[in-house]
Amino acid sequence: MSDQIPTKSIVEGAFLAAITAVIFIISIYIPLLGTVVSFLCPLPIIILCLRHSLKFAIISTFISGILVSSLAGPWQGIMVLLGFGILGLTLGFVIKKDLSLTDIIMVGSLASLISKGLILLIGFWFLDINPVLFDVEEIDRVITQSLNFYSSMGLSPEQFSSMKESLTQTINIIRIAFPGMIILASIFDTIINYWVARLVLKRFGYKLSTFTSFSKWRASKSFFWSYFLGVILIFLGAKYNLPLLSKIGVNIQLFFSVVFLIYGLSLTGFILERFKIINFLKWVIYILVCFQPLLSQIATWAAMLDIWIDFRKLITAKEE
């Protein structure tokens, strides 16, 4: 009798499983809102882990998958189980174990990476779904369709040729750097889900570790040397005709370029705070830096230099 699950827990588990299914359905069928809502999908699973056992949360997650499968199809049910279930269960478990914030993000990122890998494998081998990034014929088809669209707009032959070369290079870079992009996506996915969970769970009386103020983030020297390693691998791969070495170098360089851009935005935020810029304008400047190539490159370089110079210390000393 002691192993029986209380009726209240069963009802709560069923309710949260249904909520997970509803949130996922919304994320599928409502384009813009769905992207935002998708970050709430692991939340009910995290709550179940915190309030009940991991075993109970796993059962409820499977129920969510079954509900989504019956409403939207088996592939969507698999997405719930693998895409959100693994991450939600992992975050709930490590939060309940009261691990440090760094450990939570690292373990959660690994879980998110594993879930994305499983989804790709299932798509490749069982469902015969080939993402555009890995299908050469599909890439050529997409490029042709894009060029036909631009051609209908009256582009000159020179502009058409330049556009074709640019599209081909961009897609080839994405294909090569796909592993690095998946790793970055896993880390961002974990951070955003944890941030959302912390905000929501705070209202339920749970106190989760908070992030250091964004304007105080600084890159470590190990990040610089890792970036430099990527540059060396690209050089060696090109010199000795080792494509695999070049691909590894490109992925390392891409990964740490994005990391340094984030730290560059942090430094930008610190400077904007000194000028007492309002939050709305801060976000406008952040978006401008991210999408303007010259500004993003300056922010990346500034973050690299900040490792050795410490601009915050200089600015603070100058003010004093």
C-alpha atoms as a PDB file:
ATOM      1  CA  MET A   1       0.000   0.000   0.000  1.00  0.00           C
ATOM      2  CA  SER A   2       2.903   2.360   0.692  1.00  0.00           C
ATOM      3  CA  ASP A   3       3.902   2.203  -3.008  1.00  0.00           C
ATOM      4  CA  GLN A   4       0.516   3.478  -4.201  1.00  0.00           C
ATOM      5  CA  ILE A   5       0.540   6.907  -5.816  1.00  0.00           C
ATOM      6  CA  PRO A   6      -1.862   9.384  -4.145  1.00  0.00           C
ATOM      7  CA  THR A   7      -4.915  10.333  -6.190  1.00  0.00           C
ATOM      8  CA  LYS A   8      -3.957  14.007  -5.972  1.00  0.00           C
ATOM      9  CA  SER A   9      -0.566  13.262  -7.575  1.00  0.00           C
ATOM     10  CA  ILE A  10      -2.193  11.245 -10.368  1.00  0.00           C
ATOM     11  CA  VAL A  11      -4.589  14.097 -11.144  1.00  0.00           C
ATOM     12  CA  GLU A  12      -1.765  16.630 -11.082  1.00  0.00           C
ATOM     13  CA  GLY A  13       0.385  14.433 -13.319  1.00  0.00           C
ATOM     14  CA  ALA A  14      -2.419  13.971 -15.840  1.00  0.00           C
ATOM     15  CA  PHE A  15      -3.156  17.704 -15.819  1.00  0.00           C
ATOM     16  CA  LEU A  16       0.483  18.691 -16.408  1.00  0.00           C
ATOM     17  CA  ALA A  17       0.821  16.021 -19.120  1.00  0.00           C
ATOM     18  CA  ALA A  18      -2.207  17.525 -20.868  1.00  0.00           C
ATOM     19  CA  ILE A  19      -0.735  21.040 -20.464  1.00  0.00           C
ATOM     20  CA  THR A  20       2.513  19.859 -22.087  1.00  0.00           C
ATOM     21  CA  ALA A  21       0.551  18.434 -25.026  1.00  0.00           C
ATOM     22  CA  VAL A  22      -1.510  21.624 -25.443  1.00  0.00           C
ATOM     23  CA  ILE A  23       1.582  23.862 -25.328  1.00  0.00           C
ATOM     24  CA  PHE A  24       3.287  21.715 -27.961  1.00  0.00           C
ATOM     25  CA  ILE A  25       0.221  21.776 -30.235  1.00  0.00           C
ATOM     26  CA  ILE A  26       0.150  25.587 -29.945  1.00  0.00           C
ATOM     27  CA  SER A  27       3.867  25.748 -30.816  1.00  0.00           C
ATOM     28  CA  ILE A  28       3.133  23.795 -34.025  1.00  0.00           C
ATOM     29  CA  TYR A  29       0.110  25.632 -35.380  1.00  0.00           C
ATOM     30  CA  ILE A  30       0.718  29.266 -34.348  1.00  0.00           C
ATOM     31  CA  PRO A  31       3.865  30.442 -36.203  1.00  0.00           C
ATOM     32  CA  LEU A  32       5.179  33.451 -34.254  1.00  0.00           C
ATOM     33  CA  LEU A  33       3.595  32.779 -30.872  1.00  0.00           C
ATOM     34  CA  GLY A  34       4.494  29.109 -31.245  1.00  0.00           C
ATOM     35  CA  THR A  35       8.226  29.856 -31.233  1.00  0.00           C
ATOM     36  CA  VAL A  36       7.916  31.644 -27.896  1.00  0.00           C
ATOM     37  CA  VAL A  37       5.491  29.109 -26.427  1.00  0.00           C
ATOM     38  CA  SER A  38       7.780  26.193 -27.363  1.00  0.00           C
ATOM     39  CA  PHE A  39      10.146  27.208 -24.563  1.00  0.00           C
ATOM     40  CA  LEU A  40       7.351  26.463 -22.080  1.00  0.00           C
ATOM     41  CA  CYS A  41       7.008  22.821 -23.202  1.00  0.00           C
ATOM     42  CA  PRO A  42       9.586  21.381 -20.751  1.00  0.00           C
ATOM     43  CA  LEU A  43       8.175  23.444 -17.865  1.00  0.00           C
ATOM     44  CA  PRO A  44       5.351  21.069 -16.765  1.00  0.00           C
ATOM     45  CA  ILE A  45       7.841  18.184 -16.886  1.00  0.00           C
ATOM     46  CA  ILE A  46      10.288  20.132 -14.688  1.00  0.00           C
ATOM     47  CA  ILE A  47       7.492  20.854 -12.195  1.00  0.00           C
ATOM     48  CA  LEU A  48       6.589  17.155 -12.080  1.00  0.00           C
ATOM     49  CA  CYS A  49      10.227  16.256 -11.328  1.00  0.00           C
ATOM     50  CA  LEU A  50      10.367  18.797  -8.515  1.00  0.00           C
ATOM     51  CA  ARG A  51       7.028  17.883  -6.935  1.00  0.00           C
ATOM     52  CA  HIS A  52       7.151  14.116  -7.497  1.00  0.00           C
ATOM     53  CA  SER A  53       9.640  11.397  -8.437  1.00  0.00           C
ATOM     54  CA  LEU A  54      11.595  11.126 -11.681  1.00  0.00           C
ATOM     55  CA  LYS A  55       9.732   7.887 -12.461  1.00  0.00           C
ATOM     56  CA  PHE A  56       6.365   9.641 -12.148  1.00  0.00           C
ATOM     57  CA  ALA A  57       7.573  12.478 -14.394  1.00  0.00           C
ATOM     58  CA  ILE A  58       8.740   9.980 -17.052  1.00  0.00           C
ATOM     59  CA  ILE A  59       5.321   8.293 -17.078  1.00  0.00           C
ATOM     60  CA  SER A  60       3.569  11.665 -17.467  1.00  0.00           C
ATOM     61  CA  THR A  61       5.947  12.612 -20.288  1.00  0.00           C
ATOM     62  CA  PHE A  62       5.035   9.438 -22.167  1.00  0.00           C
ATOM     63  CA  ILE A  63       1.348  10.276 -21.671  1.00  0.00           C
ATOM     64  CA  SER A  64       2.034  13.705 -23.224  1.00  0.00           C
ATOM     65  CA  GLY A  65       3.681  12.010 -26.198  1.00  0.00           C
ATOM     66  CA  ILE A  66       0.684   9.714 -26.661  1.00  0.00           C
ATOM     67  CA  LEU A  67      -1.742  12.658 -26.505  1.00  0.00           C
ATOM     68  CA  VAL A  68       0.235  14.623 -29.097  1.00  0.00           C
ATOM     69  CA  SER A  69       0.546  11.527 -31.334  1.00  0.00           C
ATOM     70  CA  SER A  70      -3.226  11.085 -31.323  1.00  0.00           C
ATOM     71  CA  LEU A  71      -3.814  14.752 -32.161  1.00  0.00           C
ATOM     72  CA  ALA A  72      -0.946  15.663 -34.503  1.00  0.00           C
ATOM     73  CA  GLY A  73       0.698  12.396 -35.575  1.00  0.00           C
ATOM     74  CA  PRO A  74       3.408  10.010 -34.344  1.00  0.00           C
ATOM     75  CA  TRP A  75       6.340  12.168 -35.484  1.00  0.00           C
ATOM     76  CA  GLN A  76       5.099  15.064 -33.357  1.00  0.00           C
ATOM     77  CA  GLY A  77       4.703  12.663 -30.431  1.00  0.00           C
ATOM     78  CA  ILE A  78       8.347  11.636 -30.847  1.00  0.00           C
ATOM     79  CA  MET A  79       9.304  15.316 -30.868  1.00  0.00           C
ATOM     80  CA  VAL A  80       7.618  15.766 -27.486  1.00  0.00           C
ATOM     81  CA  LEU A  81       9.368  12.746 -25.980  1.00  0.00           C
ATOM     82  CA  LEU A  82      12.808  13.477 -27.390  1.00  0.00           C
ATOM     83  CA  GLY A  83      12.815  17.207 -28.102  1.00  0.00           C
ATOM     84  CA  PHE A  84      11.258  18.389 -24.845  1.00  0.00           C
ATOM     85  CA  GLY A  85      10.923  15.321 -22.634  1.00  0.00           C
ATOM     86  CA  ILE A  86      14.640  14.569 -22.288  1.00  0.00           C
ATOM     87  CA  LEU A  87      15.525  18.206 -21.586  1.00  0.00           C
ATOM     88  CA  GLY A  88      12.629  18.729 -19.157  1.00  0.00           C
ATOM     89  CA  LEU A  89      13.382  15.529 -17.225  1.00  0.00           C
ATOM     90  CA  THR A  90      17.098  16.334 -17.068  1.00  0.00           C
ATOM     91  CA  LEU A  91      16.606  19.924 -15.900  1.00  0.00           C
ATOM     92  CA  GLY A  92      14.033  18.836 -13.331  1.00  0.00           C
ATOM     93  CA  PHE A  93      16.344  16.123 -11.994  1.00  0.00           C
ATOM     94  CA  VAL A  94      19.486  18.309 -11.699  1.00  0.00           C
ATOM     95  CA  ILE A  95      17.526  21.227 -10.212  1.00  0.00           C
ATOM     96  CA  LYS A  96      16.038  18.879  -7.611  1.00  0.00           C
ATOM     97  CA  LYS A  97      19.560  17.614  -6.828  1.00  0.00           C
ATOM     98  CA  ASP A  98      20.506  21.254  -6.129  1.00  0.00           C
ATOM     99  CA  LEU A  99      23.488  21.288  -8.481  1.00  0.00           C
ATOM    100  CA  SER A 100      25.362  24.501  -9.262  1.00  0.00           C
ATOM    101  CA  LEU A 101      24.109  26.695 -12.102  1.00  0.00           C
ATOM    102  CA  THR A 102      27.159  25.826 -14.221  1.00  0.00           C
ATOM    103  CA  ASP A 103      26.559  22.090 -13.754  1.00  0.00           C
ATOM    104  CA  ILE A 104      22.854  22.507 -14.541  1.00  0.00           C
ATOM    105  CA  ILE A 105      23.625  24.269 -17.837  1.00  0.00           C
ATOM    106  CA  MET A 106      26.337  21.750 -18.778  1.00  0.00           C
ATOM    107  CA  VAL A 107      24.217  18.665 -18.029  1.00  0.00           C
ATOM    108  CA  GLY A 108      21.133  20.239 -19.625  1.00  0.00           C
ATOM    109  CA  SER A 109      23.094  21.171 -22.763  1.00  0.00           C
ATOM    110  CA  LEU A 110      24.386  17.609 -23.063  1.00  0.00           C
ATOM    111  CA  ALA A 111      20.839  16.262 -22.703  1.00  0.00           C
ATOM    112  CA  SER A 112      19.572  18.727 -25.321  1.00  0.00           C
ATOM    113  CA  LEU A 113      22.389  17.710 -27.676  1.00  0.00           C
ATOM    114  CA  ILE A 114      21.572  14.009 -27.215  1.00  0.00           C
ATOM    115  CA  SER A 115      17.874  14.642 -27.883  1.00  0.00           C
ATOM    116  CA  LYS A 116      18.654  16.539 -31.094  1.00  0.00           C
ATOM    117  CA  GLY A 117      21.004  13.773 -32.173  1.00  0.00           C
ATOM    118  CA  LEU A 118      18.324  11.131 -31.602  1.00  0.00           C
ATOM    119  CA  ILE A 119      15.777  13.145 -33.582  1.00  0.00           C
ATOM    120  CA  LEU A 120      18.229  13.443 -36.490  1.00  0.00           C
ATOM    121  CA  LEU A 121      19.006   9.713 -36.392  1.00  0.00           C
ATOM    122  CA  ILE A 122      15.325   8.789 -36.371  1.00  0.00           C
ATOM    123  CA  GLY A 123      14.706  11.183 -39.245  1.00  0.00           C
ATOM    124  CA  PHE A 124      17.588   9.723 -41.263  1.00  0.00           C
ATOM    125  CA  TRP A 125      17.162   6.006 -40.718  1.00  0.00           C
ATOM    126  CA  PHE A 126      13.541   5.322 -39.782  1.00  0.00           C
ATOM    127  CA  LEU A 127      11.403   8.075 -41.286  1.00  0.00           C
ATOM    128  CA  ASP A 128      13.507   8.690 -44.409  1.00  0.00           C
ATOM    129  CA  ILE A 129      13.606  12.425 -43.696  1.00  0.00           C
ATOM    130  CA  ASN A 130      16.770  14.092 -45.024  1.00  0.00           C
ATOM    131  CA  PRO A 131      17.351  17.655 -43.828  1.00  0.00           C
ATOM    132  CA  VAL A 132      18.353  20.083 -46.564  1.00  0.00           C
ATOM    133  CA  LEU A 133      21.796  20.458 -44.988  1.00  0.00           C
ATOM    134  CA  PHE A 134      22.804  16.901 -45.816  1.00  0.00           C
ATOM    135  CA  ASP A 135      21.079  16.291 -49.171  1.00  0.00           C
ATOM    136  CA  VAL A 136      23.189  17.673 -52.036  1.00  0.00           C
ATOM    137  CA  GLU A 137      20.390  17.336 -54.603  1.00  0.00           C
ATOM    138  CA  GLU A 138      18.002  19.137 -52.267  1.00  0.00           C
ATOM    139  CA  ILE A 139      20.538  21.937 -51.806  1.00  0.00           C
ATOM    140  CA  ASP A 140      20.819  22.391 -55.572  1.00  0.00           C
ATOM    141  CA  ARG A 141      17.027  22.465 -55.834  1.00  0.00           C
ATOM    142  CA  VAL A 142      16.719  25.136 -53.129  1.00  0.00           C
ATOM    143  CA  ILE A 143      19.431  27.264 -54.759  1.00  0.00           C
ATOM    144  CA  THR A 144      17.737  26.947 -58.158  1.00  0.00           C
ATOM    145  CA  GLN A 145      14.348  27.940 -56.726  1.00  0.00           C
ATOM    146  CA  SER A 146      15.863  30.933 -54.927  1.00  0.00           C
ATOM    147  CA  LEU A 147      17.707  32.079 -58.039  1.00  0.00           C
ATOM    148  CA  ASN A 148      14.587  31.699 -60.183  1.00  0.00           C
ATOM    149  CA  PHE A 149      12.759  33.954 -57.721  1.00  0.00           C
ATOM    150  CA  TYR A 150      15.454  36.625 -57.887  1.00  0.00           C
ATOM    151  CA  SER A 151      15.683  36.250 -61.655  1.00  0.00           C
ATOM    152  CA  SER A 152      11.983  37.049 -61.972  1.00  0.00           C
ATOM    153  CA  MET A 153      12.719  40.339 -60.212  1.00  0.00           C
ATOM    154  CA  GLY A 154      14.834  41.476 -63.171  1.00  0.00           C
ATOM    155  CA  LEU A 155      18.377  40.961 -61.893  1.00  0.00           C
ATOM    156  CA  SER A 156      21.197  41.551 -64.345  1.00  0.00           C
ATOM    157  CA  PRO A 157      23.436  38.570 -65.332  1.00  0.00           C
ATOM    158  CA  GLU A 158      26.241  39.932 -63.128  1.00  0.00           C
ATOM    159  CA  GLN A 159      23.930  40.292 -60.141  1.00  0.00           C
ATOM    160  CA  PHE A 160      22.482  36.833 -60.825  1.00  0.00           C
ATOM    161  CA  SER A 161      25.957  35.264 -60.896  1.00  0.00           C
ATOM    162  CA  SER A 162      27.003  37.057 -57.711  1.00  0.00           C
ATOM    163  CA  MET A 163      23.804  35.985 -55.946  1.00  0.00           C
ATOM    164  CA  LYS A 164      24.330  32.359 -56.998  1.00  0.00           C
ATOM    165  CA  GLU A 165      27.899  32.317 -55.695  1.00  0.00           C
ATOM    166  CA  SER A 166      26.847  33.938 -52.423  1.00  0.00           C
ATOM    167  CA  LEU A 167      23.996  31.456 -51.847  1.00  0.00           C
ATOM    168  CA  THR A 168      26.216  28.474 -52.684  1.00  0.00           C
ATOM    169  CA  GLN A 169      28.974  29.616 -50.316  1.00  0.00           C
ATOM    170  CA  THR A 170      26.517  30.327 -47.504  1.00  0.00           C
ATOM    171  CA  ILE A 171      24.845  26.916 -47.725  1.00  0.00           C
ATOM    172  CA  ASN A 172      28.208  25.143 -47.965  1.00  0.00           C
ATOM    173  CA  ILE A 173      29.408  26.929 -44.825  1.00  0.00           C
ATOM    174  CA  ILE A 174      26.198  25.945 -43.019  1.00  0.00           C
ATOM    175  CA  ARG A 175      26.693  22.315 -44.067  1.00  0.00           C
ATOM    176  CA  ILE A 176      30.276  22.288 -42.792  1.00  0.00           C
ATOM    177  CA  ALA A 177      29.463  24.133 -39.557  1.00  0.00           C
ATOM    178  CA  PHE A 178      26.279  22.182 -38.802  1.00  0.00           C
ATOM    179  CA  PRO A 179      27.757  20.270 -35.797  1.00  0.00           C
ATOM    180  CA  GLY A 180      28.873  23.518 -34.174  1.00  0.00           C
ATOM    181  CA  MET A 181      25.470  25.060 -34.805  1.00  0.00           C
ATOM    182  CA  ILE A 182      23.746  22.080 -33.153  1.00  0.00           C
ATOM    183  CA  ILE A 183      25.977  22.424 -30.066  1.00  0.00           C
ATOM    184  CA  LEU A 184      25.249  26.161 -29.856  1.00  0.00           C
ATOM    185  CA  ALA A 185      21.522  25.509 -30.272  1.00  0.00           C
ATOM    186  CA  SER A 186      21.643  22.953 -27.432  1.00  0.00           C
ATOM    187  CA  ILE A 187      23.319  25.425 -25.069  1.00  0.00           C
ATOM    188  CA  PHE A 188      20.958  28.288 -25.954  1.00  0.00           C
ATOM    189  CA  ASP A 189      17.972  25.938 -25.686  1.00  0.00           C
ATOM    190  CA  THR A 190      19.009  24.926 -22.171  1.00  0.00           C
ATOM    191  CA  ILE A 191      19.733  28.469 -20.990  1.00  0.00           C
ATOM    192  CA  ILE A 192      16.431  29.857 -22.286  1.00  0.00           C
ATOM    193  CA  ASN A 193      14.412  26.957 -20.860  1.00  0.00           C
ATOM    194  CA  TYR A 194      16.114  27.295 -17.483  1.00  0.00           C
ATOM    195  CA  TRP A 195      15.575  31.071 -17.492  1.00  0.00           C
ATOM    196  CA  VAL A 196      11.862  30.652 -18.281  1.00  0.00           C
ATOM    197  CA  ALA A 197      11.522  27.896 -15.672  1.00  0.00           C
ATOM    198  CA  ARG A 198      13.184  30.066 -13.024  1.00  0.00           C
ATOM    199  CA  LEU A 199      10.788  32.950 -13.672  1.00  0.00           C
ATOM    200  CA  VAL A 200       7.702  30.729 -13.546  1.00  0.00           C
ATOM    201  CA  LEU A 201       8.783  28.508 -10.632  1.00  0.00           C
ATOM    202  CA  LYS A 202       9.630  31.586  -8.579  1.00  0.00           C
ATOM    203  CA  ARG A 203       5.882  32.243  -8.365  1.00  0.00           C
ATOM    204  CA  PHE A 204       5.381  28.734  -6.962  1.00  0.00           C
ATOM    205  CA  GLY A 205       7.899  29.283  -4.186  1.00  0.00           C
ATOM    206  CA  TYR A 206      10.902  27.585  -5.805  1.00  0.00           C
ATOM    207  CA  LYS A 207      14.194  29.482  -5.587  1.00  0.00           C
ATOM    208  CA  LEU A 208      16.487  28.616  -8.481  1.00  0.00           C
ATOM    209  CA  SER A 209      20.002  29.931  -8.941  1.00  0.00           C
ATOM    210  CA  THR A 210      20.124  33.114 -10.964  1.00  0.00           C
ATOM    211  CA  PHE A 211      22.565  34.190 -13.649  1.00  0.00           C
ATOM    212  CA  THR A 212      25.253  36.785 -13.053  1.00  0.00           C
ATOM    213  CA  SER A 213      24.259  40.218 -14.370  1.00  0.00           C
ATOM    214  CA  PHE A 214      24.720  40.115 -18.160  1.00  0.00           C
ATOM    215  CA  SER A 215      26.845  43.275 -18.224  1.00  0.00           C
ATOM    216  CA  LYS A 216      29.430  41.562 -15.978  1.00  0.00           C
ATOM    217  CA  TRP A 217      30.077  38.553 -18.229  1.00  0.00           C
ATOM    218  CA  ARG A 218      33.718  38.210 -19.329  1.00  0.00           C
ATOM    219  CA  ALA A 219      35.338  35.567 -21.501  1.00  0.00           C
ATOM    220  CA  SER A 220      38.159  33.436 -20.122  1.00  0.00           C
ATOM    221  CA  LYS A 221      41.586  33.004 -21.702  1.00  0.00           C
ATOM    222  CA  SER A 222      40.781  29.365 -22.491  1.00  0.00           C
ATOM    223  CA  PHE A 223      38.082  30.600 -24.895  1.00  0.00           C
ATOM    224  CA  PHE A 224      40.658  32.679 -26.784  1.00  0.00           C
ATOM    225  CA  TRP A 225      43.076  29.762 -27.117  1.00  0.00           C
ATOM    226  CA  SER A 226      40.235  27.491 -28.223  1.00  0.00           C
ATOM    227  CA  TYR A 227      39.318  29.991 -30.943  1.00  0.00           C
ATOM    228  CA  PHE A 228      42.980  30.196 -31.930  1.00  0.00           C
ATOM    229  CA  LEU A 229      43.099  26.388 -32.142  1.00  0.00           C
ATOM    230  CA  GLY A 230      40.258  26.521 -34.663  1.00  0.00           C
ATOM    231  CA  VAL A 231      42.235  28.982 -36.800  1.00  0.00           C
ATOM    232  CA  ILE A 232      45.307  26.712 -36.686  1.00  0.00           C
ATOM    233  CA  LEU A 233      43.280  23.643 -37.673  1.00  0.00           C
ATOM    234  CA  ILE A 234      41.788  25.496 -40.654  1.00  0.00           C
ATOM    235  CA  PHE A 235      45.291  26.559 -41.741  1.00  0.00           C
ATOM    236  CA  LEU A 236      46.744  23.051 -41.369  1.00  0.00           C
ATOM    237  CA  GLY A 237      43.774  21.480 -43.131  1.00  0.00           C
ATOM    238  CA  ALA A 238      44.182  23.806 -46.102  1.00  0.00           C
ATOM    239  CA  LYS A 239      47.984  23.422 -46.233  1.00  0.00           C
ATOM    240  CA  TYR A 240      48.091  19.627 -46.046  1.00  0.00           C
ATOM    241  CA  ASN A 241      44.803  19.010 -47.878  1.00  0.00           C
ATOM    242  CA  LEU A 242      42.986  17.509 -44.898  1.00  0.00           C
ATOM    243  CA  PRO A 243      39.285  18.446 -45.309  1.00  0.00           C
ATOM    244  CA  LEU A 244      38.221  16.857 -42.009  1.00  0.00           C
ATOM    245  CA  LEU A 245      40.758  18.957 -40.096  1.00  0.00           C
ATOM    246  CA  SER A 246      39.450  22.096 -41.805  1.00  0.00           C
ATOM    247  CA  LYS A 247      35.844  21.187 -40.968  1.00  0.00           C
ATOM    248  CA  ILE A 248      36.712  20.685 -37.298  1.00  0.00           C
ATOM    249  CA  GLY A 249      38.517  24.028 -37.297  1.00  0.00           C
ATOM    250  CA  VAL A 250      35.550  25.810 -38.913  1.00  0.00           C
ATOM    251  CA  ASN A 251      33.180  24.404 -36.281  1.00  0.00           C
ATOM    252  CA  ILE A 252      35.469  25.435 -33.409  1.00  0.00           C
ATOM    253  CA  GLN A 253      35.930  28.906 -34.885  1.00  0.00           C
ATOM    254  CA  LEU A 254      32.191  29.366 -35.484  1.00  0.00           C
ATOM    255  CA  PHE A 255      31.319  28.208 -31.970  1.00  0.00           C
ATOM    256  CA  PHE A 256      33.702  30.585 -30.228  1.00  0.00           C
ATOM    257  CA  SER A 257      32.928  33.451 -32.616  1.00  0.00           C
ATOM    258  CA  VAL A 258      29.326  33.312 -31.391  1.00  0.00           C
ATOM    259  CA  VAL A 259      30.543  32.992 -27.788  1.00  0.00           C
ATOM    260  CA  PHE A 260      32.751  36.079 -28.164  1.00  0.00           C
ATOM    261  CA  LEU A 261      29.895  37.971 -29.825  1.00  0.00           C
ATOM    262  CA  ILE A 262      27.776  37.310 -26.720  1.00  0.00           C
ATOM    263  CA  TYR A 263      30.564  38.550 -24.474  1.00  0.00           C
ATOM    264  CA  GLY A 264      30.903  41.556 -26.790  1.00  0.00           C
ATOM    265  CA  LEU A 265      27.211  42.299 -26.243  1.00  0.00           C
ATOM    266  CA  SER A 266      27.857  42.025 -22.499  1.00  0.00           C
ATOM    267  CA  LEU A 267      30.620  44.623 -22.760  1.00  0.00           C
ATOM    268  CA  THR A 268      28.305  46.787 -24.863  1.00  0.00           C
ATOM    269  CA  GLY A 269      25.655  46.478 -22.145  1.00  0.00           C
ATOM    270  CA  PHE A 270      28.183  47.593 -19.511  1.00  0.00           C
ATOM    271  CA  ILE A 271      29.042  50.702 -21.541  1.00  0.00           C
ATOM    272  CA  LEU A 272      25.359  51.490 -22.158  1.00  0.00           C
ATOM    273  CA  GLU A 273      24.691  51.234 -18.415  1.00  0.00           C
ATOM    274  CA  ARG A 274      27.353  53.860 -17.762  1.00  0.00           C
ATOM    275  CA  PHE A 275      25.474  56.209 -20.082  1.00  0.00           C
ATOM    276  CA  LYS A 276      22.167  55.226 -18.391  1.00  0.00           C
ATOM    277  CA  ILE A 277      20.538  54.120 -21.646  1.00  0.00           C
ATOM    278  CA  ILE A 278      16.970  52.854 -21.175  1.00  0.00           C
ATOM    279  CA  ASN A 279      16.285  49.123 -21.660  1.00  0.00           C
ATOM    280  CA  PHE A 280      14.317  49.561 -24.889  1.00  0.00           C
ATOM    281  CA  LEU A 281      17.218  51.324 -26.597  1.00  0.00           C
ATOM    282  CA  LYS A 282      19.598  48.702 -25.206  1.00  0.00           C
ATOM    283  CA  TRP A 283      17.693  45.950 -26.989  1.00  0.00           C
ATOM    284  CA  VAL A 284      17.606  47.984 -30.201  1.00  0.00           C
ATOM    285  CA  ILE A 285      21.400  48.348 -30.029  1.00  0.00           C
ATOM    286  CA  TYR A 286      21.850  44.632 -29.223  1.00  0.00           C
ATOM    287  CA  ILE A 287      19.790  43.659 -32.282  1.00  0.00           C
ATOM    288  CA  LEU A 288      21.694  46.167 -34.418  1.00  0.00           C
ATOM    289  CA  VAL A 289      25.038  44.719 -33.293  1.00  0.00           C
ATOM    290  CA  CYS A 290      23.892  41.139 -33.986  1.00  0.00           C
ATOM    291  CA  PHE A 291      22.581  41.792 -37.498  1.00  0.00           C
ATOM    292  CA  GLN A 292      25.088  44.384 -38.738  1.00  0.00           C
ATOM    293  CA  PRO A 293      28.249  42.472 -39.797  1.00  0.00           C
ATOM    294  CA  LEU A 294      30.700  45.295 -39.086  1.00  0.00           C
ATOM    295  CA  LEU A 295      29.280  45.996 -35.606  1.00  0.00           C
ATOM    296  CA  SER A 296      29.152  42.292 -34.718  1.00  0.00           C
ATOM    297  CA  GLN A 297      32.780  41.889 -35.793  1.00  0.00           C
ATOM    298  CA  ILE A 298      33.815  44.890 -33.671  1.00  0.00           C
ATOM    299  CA  ALA A 299      31.935  43.455 -30.670  1.00  0.00           C
ATOM    300  CA  THR A 300      33.658  40.079 -31.174  1.00  0.00           C
ATOM    301  CA  TRP A 301      37.125  41.651 -31.337  1.00  0.00           C
ATOM    302  CA  ALA A 302      36.361  43.834 -28.323  1.00  0.00           C
ATOM    303  CA  ALA A 303      35.432  40.743 -26.289  1.00  0.00           C
ATOM    304  CA  MET A 304      38.726  39.100 -27.264  1.00  0.00           C
ATOM    305  CA  LEU A 305      40.724  42.181 -26.278  1.00  0.00           C
ATOM    306  CA  ASP A 306      38.755  42.445 -23.038  1.00  0.00           C
ATOM    307  CA  ILE A 307      40.353  39.188 -21.883  1.00  0.00           C
ATOM    308  CA  TRP A 308      43.736  40.898 -21.762  1.00  0.00           C
ATOM    309  CA  ILE A 309      42.832  44.570 -21.212  1.00  0.00           C
ATOM    310  CA  ASP A 310      39.692  44.515 -18.986  1.00  0.00           C
ATOM    311  CA  PHE A 311      37.812  47.476 -20.436  1.00  0.00           C
ATOM    312  CA  ARG A 312      35.400  47.566 -17.491  1.00  0.00           C
ATOM    313  CA  LYS A 313      38.245  48.169 -15.062  1.00  0.00           C
ATOM    314  CA  LEU A 314      39.663  50.921 -17.266  1.00  0.00           C
ATOM    315  CA  ILE A 315      36.293  52.644 -17.667  1.00  0.00           C
ATOM    316  CA  THR A 316      35.550  52.427 -13.920  1.00  0.00           C
ATOM    317  CA  ALA A 317      39.028  53.757 -13.026  1.00  0.00           C
ATOM    318  CA  LYS A 318      38.637  56.643 -15.466  1.00  0.00           C
ATOM    319  CA  GLU A 319      35.269  57.599 -13.956  1.00  0.00           C
ATOM    320  CA  GLU A 320      36.709  57.536 -10.448  1.00  0.00           C
END
